[in-house]
Amino acid sequence: MSYTPIESLKNAWVFRHKSLPIEANDLTKIKPMIPARAMQVWDTFISKQVDHPDFFKQGDWPFDKSTWQDVGKWEGLWDSEEPELPALISEHIAWDNNTVVYFCLSREKVIETTWEVFQRCWKNFLFMDDGTLLIGKKRQETVQFSSNGTFKIGAKSK
């Protein structure tokens, strides 16, 4: 089994927050990976050198300034009643709703879901905004979320 029950996450509360309810059907599609599977995804798609976004260095595609095309702010929209992702992200990512996405917090913490579910539940996910990367399976487009309320959009080079 490659996944762990969502309840076993240290920060599982983000998916049960009363002000940001998630439909039961969507909750079943938010799948935290077991550490071994998370490490495999991180090593394959993010970095073999570092275990957290704070430590990216030369040779890691997220470290390369040419990866990133634009910067936007997510925090104001997150605080609003509007459910949609920031327009810059929606314009940058034209994935099918069923595209598998990985919300990569660190080498041992990766959450898998679909693009459709992420779009509906993005505010819940962004309680975990410490340099977190959103990537799509077999997709080049990426977004990195920072705790200062900003994000970067770009295309990974791997």
C-alpha atoms as a PDB file:
ATOM      1  CA  MET A   1       0.000   0.000   0.000  1.00  0.00           C
ATOM      2  CA  SER A   2       1.403   3.385  -1.020  1.00  0.00           C
ATOM      3  CA  TYR A   3      -0.913   5.578   1.054  1.00  0.00           C
ATOM      4  CA  THR A   4      -1.578   6.239   4.691  1.00  0.00           C
ATOM      5  CA  PRO A   5      -4.973   7.199   6.145  1.00  0.00           C
ATOM      6  CA  ILE A   6      -5.492  10.950   6.104  1.00  0.00           C
ATOM      7  CA  GLU A   7      -6.260  10.824   9.832  1.00  0.00           C
ATOM      8  CA  SER A   8      -2.695   9.716  10.520  1.00  0.00           C
ATOM      9  CA  LEU A   9      -1.250  12.970   9.153  1.00  0.00           C
ATOM     10  CA  LYS A  10       0.237  15.225  11.804  1.00  0.00           C
ATOM     11  CA  ASN A  11      -1.697  18.126  10.294  1.00  0.00           C
ATOM     12  CA  ALA A  12      -4.853  16.238   9.251  1.00  0.00           C
ATOM     13  CA  TRP A  13      -6.896  19.036  10.809  1.00  0.00           C
ATOM     14  CA  VAL A  14      -6.343  21.128   7.664  1.00  0.00           C
ATOM     15  CA  PHE A  15      -8.701  18.782   5.835  1.00  0.00           C
ATOM     16  CA  ARG A  16     -11.336  18.935   8.609  1.00  0.00           C
ATOM     17  CA  HIS A  17     -11.305  22.690   9.213  1.00  0.00           C
ATOM     18  CA  LYS A  18     -14.867  23.818   9.946  1.00  0.00           C
ATOM     19  CA  SER A  19     -14.594  27.000   7.868  1.00  0.00           C
ATOM     20  CA  LEU A  20     -13.317  25.041   4.833  1.00  0.00           C
ATOM     21  CA  PRO A  21     -15.414  21.866   4.669  1.00  0.00           C
ATOM     22  CA  ILE A  22     -14.454  19.168   2.170  1.00  0.00           C
ATOM     23  CA  GLU A  23     -17.002  16.819   0.627  1.00  0.00           C
ATOM     24  CA  ALA A  24     -16.575  13.183   1.701  1.00  0.00           C
ATOM     25  CA  ASN A  25     -16.013  12.132  -1.915  1.00  0.00           C
ATOM     26  CA  ASP A  26     -13.156  14.630  -2.292  1.00  0.00           C
ATOM     27  CA  LEU A  27     -11.659  13.601   1.031  1.00  0.00           C
ATOM     28  CA  THR A  28     -11.267  10.032  -0.242  1.00  0.00           C
ATOM     29  CA  LYS A  29      -9.235  11.400  -3.172  1.00  0.00           C
ATOM     30  CA  ILE A  30      -6.727  13.215  -0.944  1.00  0.00           C
ATOM     31  CA  LYS A  31      -4.121  10.517  -0.383  1.00  0.00           C
ATOM     32  CA  PRO A  32      -1.057  11.087   1.804  1.00  0.00           C
ATOM     33  CA  MET A  33       1.763   8.806   0.731  1.00  0.00           C
ATOM     34  CA  ILE A  34       3.639   6.513   3.060  1.00  0.00           C
ATOM     35  CA  PRO A  35       7.189   7.847   3.583  1.00  0.00           C
ATOM     36  CA  ALA A  36       8.827   5.294   1.261  1.00  0.00           C
ATOM     37  CA  ARG A  37       6.505   6.208  -1.627  1.00  0.00           C
ATOM     38  CA  ALA A  38       6.843   9.937  -0.884  1.00  0.00           C
ATOM     39  CA  MET A  39      10.643   9.613  -1.014  1.00  0.00           C
ATOM     40  CA  GLN A  40      10.404   7.865  -4.368  1.00  0.00           C
ATOM     41  CA  VAL A  41       8.245  10.674  -5.808  1.00  0.00           C
ATOM     42  CA  TRP A  42      10.473  13.379  -4.300  1.00  0.00           C
ATOM     43  CA  ASP A  43      13.683  11.777  -5.559  1.00  0.00           C
ATOM     44  CA  THR A  44      12.229  11.212  -9.029  1.00  0.00           C
ATOM     45  CA  PHE A  45      10.506  14.533  -9.609  1.00  0.00           C
ATOM     46  CA  ILE A  46      11.950  17.073  -7.145  1.00  0.00           C
ATOM     47  CA  SER A  47      15.472  16.463  -5.819  1.00  0.00           C
ATOM     48  CA  LYS A  48      17.915  13.713  -4.956  1.00  0.00           C
ATOM     49  CA  GLN A  49      20.061  16.212  -3.021  1.00  0.00           C
ATOM     50  CA  VAL A  50      17.783  17.793  -0.414  1.00  0.00           C
ATOM     51  CA  ASP A  51      14.816  16.766   1.680  1.00  0.00           C
ATOM     52  CA  HIS A  52      12.941  20.071   2.065  1.00  0.00           C
ATOM     53  CA  PRO A  53      12.207  23.124  -0.119  1.00  0.00           C
ATOM     54  CA  ASP A  54      14.250  25.333   2.241  1.00  0.00           C
ATOM     55  CA  PHE A  55      17.430  23.580   1.122  1.00  0.00           C
ATOM     56  CA  PHE A  56      17.229  23.510  -2.689  1.00  0.00           C
ATOM     57  CA  LYS A  57      20.612  24.105  -4.261  1.00  0.00           C
ATOM     58  CA  GLN A  58      22.446  24.127  -7.569  1.00  0.00           C
ATOM     59  CA  GLY A  59      21.337  21.115  -9.596  1.00  0.00           C
ATOM     60  CA  ASP A  60      17.755  21.146  -8.283  1.00  0.00           C
ATOM     61  CA  TRP A  61      15.269  22.475 -10.848  1.00  0.00           C
ATOM     62  CA  PRO A  62      13.338  24.498  -8.208  1.00  0.00           C
ATOM     63  CA  PHE A  63      16.593  26.325  -7.372  1.00  0.00           C
ATOM     64  CA  ASP A  64      17.142  27.386 -11.002  1.00  0.00           C
ATOM     65  CA  LYS A  65      15.813  30.928 -11.543  1.00  0.00           C
ATOM     66  CA  SER A  66      14.976  30.074 -15.179  1.00  0.00           C
ATOM     67  CA  THR A  67      12.368  27.583 -13.914  1.00  0.00           C
ATOM     68  CA  TRP A  68      10.160  30.399 -12.654  1.00  0.00           C
ATOM     69  CA  GLN A  69       8.195  32.613 -15.025  1.00  0.00           C
ATOM     70  CA  ASP A  70       6.019  34.776 -12.801  1.00  0.00           C
ATOM     71  CA  VAL A  71       5.058  35.495  -9.196  1.00  0.00           C
ATOM     72  CA  GLY A  72       1.645  36.117  -7.687  1.00  0.00           C
ATOM     73  CA  LYS A  73      -0.116  36.437  -4.344  1.00  0.00           C
ATOM     74  CA  TRP A  74      -2.450  33.807  -2.955  1.00  0.00           C
ATOM     75  CA  GLU A  75      -3.095  35.040   0.578  1.00  0.00           C
ATOM     76  CA  GLY A  76      -5.692  37.734  -0.186  1.00  0.00           C
ATOM     77  CA  LEU A  77      -7.783  35.318  -2.233  1.00  0.00           C
ATOM     78  CA  TRP A  78      -7.318  32.625   0.402  1.00  0.00           C
ATOM     79  CA  ASP A  79      -8.806  34.990   3.010  1.00  0.00           C
ATOM     80  CA  SER A  80     -11.774  35.846   0.774  1.00  0.00           C
ATOM     81  CA  GLU A  81     -15.027  34.010   0.158  1.00  0.00           C
ATOM     82  CA  GLU A  82     -13.962  33.293  -3.444  1.00  0.00           C
ATOM     83  CA  PRO A  83     -13.385  29.563  -3.999  1.00  0.00           C
ATOM     84  CA  GLU A  84     -11.245  29.814  -7.150  1.00  0.00           C
ATOM     85  CA  LEU A  85      -7.483  29.550  -7.339  1.00  0.00           C
ATOM     86  CA  PRO A  86      -5.609  32.742  -8.192  1.00  0.00           C
ATOM     87  CA  ALA A  87      -6.124  33.493 -11.896  1.00  0.00           C
ATOM     88  CA  LEU A  88      -2.391  33.357 -12.643  1.00  0.00           C
ATOM     89  CA  ILE A  89      -2.302  29.722 -11.512  1.00  0.00           C
ATOM     90  CA  SER A  90      -5.467  28.791 -13.418  1.00  0.00           C
ATOM     91  CA  GLU A  91      -4.109  30.424 -16.575  1.00  0.00           C
ATOM     92  CA  HIS A  92      -0.725  28.710 -16.220  1.00  0.00           C
ATOM     93  CA  ILE A  93      -2.079  25.213 -15.601  1.00  0.00           C
ATOM     94  CA  ALA A  94      -4.373  23.755 -18.248  1.00  0.00           C
ATOM     95  CA  TRP A  95      -4.503  20.212 -16.923  1.00  0.00           C
ATOM     96  CA  ASP A  96      -7.446  17.841 -17.293  1.00  0.00           C
ATOM     97  CA  ASN A  97      -9.469  17.518 -14.103  1.00  0.00           C
ATOM     98  CA  ASN A  98      -8.372  13.887 -13.656  1.00  0.00           C
ATOM     99  CA  THR A  99      -4.636  14.719 -13.873  1.00  0.00           C
ATOM    100  CA  VAL A 100      -2.840  13.217 -10.880  1.00  0.00           C
ATOM    101  CA  VAL A 101      -1.104  15.929  -8.868  1.00  0.00           C
ATOM    102  CA  TYR A 102       1.463  15.754  -6.105  1.00  0.00           C
ATOM    103  CA  PHE A 103       1.518  18.332  -3.319  1.00  0.00           C
ATOM    104  CA  CYS A 104       5.131  18.003  -2.196  1.00  0.00           C
ATOM    105  CA  LEU A 105       5.915  19.277   1.298  1.00  0.00           C
ATOM    106  CA  SER A 106       9.195  17.429   1.858  1.00  0.00           C
ATOM    107  CA  ARG A 107      10.948  14.198   0.945  1.00  0.00           C
ATOM    108  CA  GLU A 108       8.786  12.175   3.361  1.00  0.00           C
ATOM    109  CA  LYS A 109       5.553  14.161   2.969  1.00  0.00           C
ATOM    110  CA  VAL A 110       3.786  14.093  -0.376  1.00  0.00           C
ATOM    111  CA  ILE A 111       0.028  14.143  -0.881  1.00  0.00           C
ATOM    112  CA  GLU A 112      -1.533  12.801  -4.066  1.00  0.00           C
ATOM    113  CA  THR A 113      -4.882  13.960  -5.410  1.00  0.00           C
ATOM    114  CA  THR A 114      -6.400  15.062  -8.713  1.00  0.00           C
ATOM    115  CA  TRP A 115      -6.260  18.500 -10.259  1.00  0.00           C
ATOM    116  CA  GLU A 116     -10.032  18.778  -9.883  1.00  0.00           C
ATOM    117  CA  VAL A 117      -9.924  18.056  -6.135  1.00  0.00           C
ATOM    118  CA  PHE A 118      -6.929  20.341  -5.602  1.00  0.00           C
ATOM    119  CA  GLN A 119      -8.754  23.215  -7.296  1.00  0.00           C
ATOM    120  CA  ARG A 120     -11.740  22.765  -4.976  1.00  0.00           C
ATOM    121  CA  CYS A 121      -9.665  22.251  -1.816  1.00  0.00           C
ATOM    122  CA  TRP A 122      -6.650  24.466  -2.454  1.00  0.00           C
ATOM    123  CA  LYS A 123      -7.338  26.608   0.607  1.00  0.00           C
ATOM    124  CA  ASN A 124      -7.096  23.546   2.846  1.00  0.00           C
ATOM    125  CA  PHE A 125      -3.819  22.497   1.238  1.00  0.00           C
ATOM    126  CA  LEU A 126      -2.355  25.970   1.706  1.00  0.00           C
ATOM    127  CA  PHE A 127      -2.410  25.684   5.455  1.00  0.00           C
ATOM    128  CA  MET A 128       0.811  23.829   4.486  1.00  0.00           C
ATOM    129  CA  ASP A 129       2.582  26.551   2.522  1.00  0.00           C
ATOM    130  CA  ASP A 130       6.234  26.235   3.486  1.00  0.00           C
ATOM    131  CA  GLY A 131       7.771  26.266   0.010  1.00  0.00           C
ATOM    132  CA  THR A 132       5.462  23.460  -1.021  1.00  0.00           C
ATOM    133  CA  LEU A 133       5.544  22.406  -4.674  1.00  0.00           C
ATOM    134  CA  LEU A 134       2.548  21.371  -6.751  1.00  0.00           C
ATOM    135  CA  ILE A 135       3.438  19.194  -9.720  1.00  0.00           C
ATOM    136  CA  GLY A 136       1.353  17.137 -12.107  1.00  0.00           C
ATOM    137  CA  LYS A 137       2.116  13.599 -13.158  1.00  0.00           C
ATOM    138  CA  LYS A 138       3.777  13.707 -16.575  1.00  0.00           C
ATOM    139  CA  ARG A 139       3.378  17.519 -16.651  1.00  0.00           C
ATOM    140  CA  GLN A 140       6.021  20.244 -16.752  1.00  0.00           C
ATOM    141  CA  GLU A 141       4.015  23.083 -15.209  1.00  0.00           C
ATOM    142  CA  THR A 142       4.593  23.695 -11.518  1.00  0.00           C
ATOM    143  CA  VAL A 143       3.656  26.057  -8.706  1.00  0.00           C
ATOM    144  CA  GLN A 144       5.560  26.761  -5.506  1.00  0.00           C
ATOM    145  CA  PHE A 145       3.668  28.224  -2.545  1.00  0.00           C
ATOM    146  CA  SER A 146       5.441  30.289   0.111  1.00  0.00           C
ATOM    147  CA  SER A 147       4.373  31.116   3.646  1.00  0.00           C
ATOM    148  CA  ASN A 148       4.679  34.843   2.907  1.00  0.00           C
ATOM    149  CA  GLY A 149       1.472  34.580   0.836  1.00  0.00           C
ATOM    150  CA  THR A 150       3.115  34.427  -2.584  1.00  0.00           C
ATOM    151  CA  PHE A 151       3.530  31.745  -5.214  1.00  0.00           C
ATOM    152  CA  LYS A 152       5.719  31.192  -8.255  1.00  0.00           C
ATOM    153  CA  ILE A 153       4.625  29.552 -11.477  1.00  0.00           C
ATOM    154  CA  GLY A 154       7.004  27.859 -13.839  1.00  0.00           C
ATOM    155  CA  ALA A 155       8.003  24.742 -15.717  1.00  0.00           C
ATOM    156  CA  LYS A 156      10.263  22.088 -14.259  1.00  0.00           C
ATOM    157  CA  SER A 157      13.259  21.087 -16.314  1.00  0.00           C
ATOM    158  CA  LYS A 158      13.276  17.373 -15.404  1.00  0.00           C
END
